[in-house]
Amino acid sequence: MSFGELLRDWRTRRGYSQMRLAMDAEVSTRHLSCLERNKANPSREMVLVLGSALELPLRERNDLLAAAGFVAAYSESAYESEPMAPIRQAIDLILAAHDPFPAIVVDRSWRVRQVNGGAAQLFTRLLGHLPSPGMNAMEALFDPAALRSTVVNLDEVGHAVIARLVEDARRDQVVAELLERLESRGWLDAAWRRPGPAPTILVPLHFRGAGIEARLFTTLTTLGTPRDVSAQELRIESYHPMDESTATALRSLQDSAVV
């Protein structure tokens, strides 16, 4: 895909008119039109300005640069690499501090990179086995052979999660592909694409199975001002008990694992 085609594709995905993007990027609509029709070549600085105006993830900004014939502006470090060591150390502290409650580390495609003890214990109990390395959290949630059958409020969760994925898919091709994959496997109810009942404060995840019941809500933690593609894509999803019975059940799982 040429630079102009890619730029126009992202502008359309974001729902921006040419005038809106031109104003945000502080360029003329005429120049933007020429760029989209490949009638003009952008400077490297202009590509970065447009990527910022479109609020593209760092990976997509690199792709836009490549399409314009420039080298990447943002590094991409493997999770296990030496440059990521300080980040892994910080993540280890966050995960350990959240025990006995579950917490997982996921990348942009919701692939699980790391879990704490609380997550390993809860999902081992629900799944009947340790979560597999590289498990996709969204696939596990909706897969009938994984966690789906343990989610009591599946419709409520489905509406909330799919709304988030649909919004993320507008600016992230990998999430769009994940959403398509979930739909192609027949794991998603078409009604989940439509607005669901208005939640009170938040939508809990209500698990029940294998002798345990847990009502949890989640928070997402990201890194501040990342300049590396992989670092930007990391998220820590922490699960918090909605009630004391859930907290007690999760503490009991930890106690039984220690014995």
Foldseek 3Di string as FASTA:
>chain_A
DALLCLLVLLCVLLVHDLVQLCVQLVHDSVVNVCSNVVVDQDDLVSLVSSCVSSVAALVVSQVSQVSSPHHRPFAADDCPDPVNVVVVVVVVVVQVVQPPFKKFKAFQLQFTQDIHNNNQLVQCLQLVHGDDHRDRPVCQCQPPNHQVVFFPPNLLVLLVVVVVLSVVVSRDVSSVVSVVVCVVVVRHDPCSVPHDDDDDPDAWGWGDDNPDTFTWDWDKDADPPDRHNRRRRMIMITIDGPDPSRVVRSVVSVVVVVD
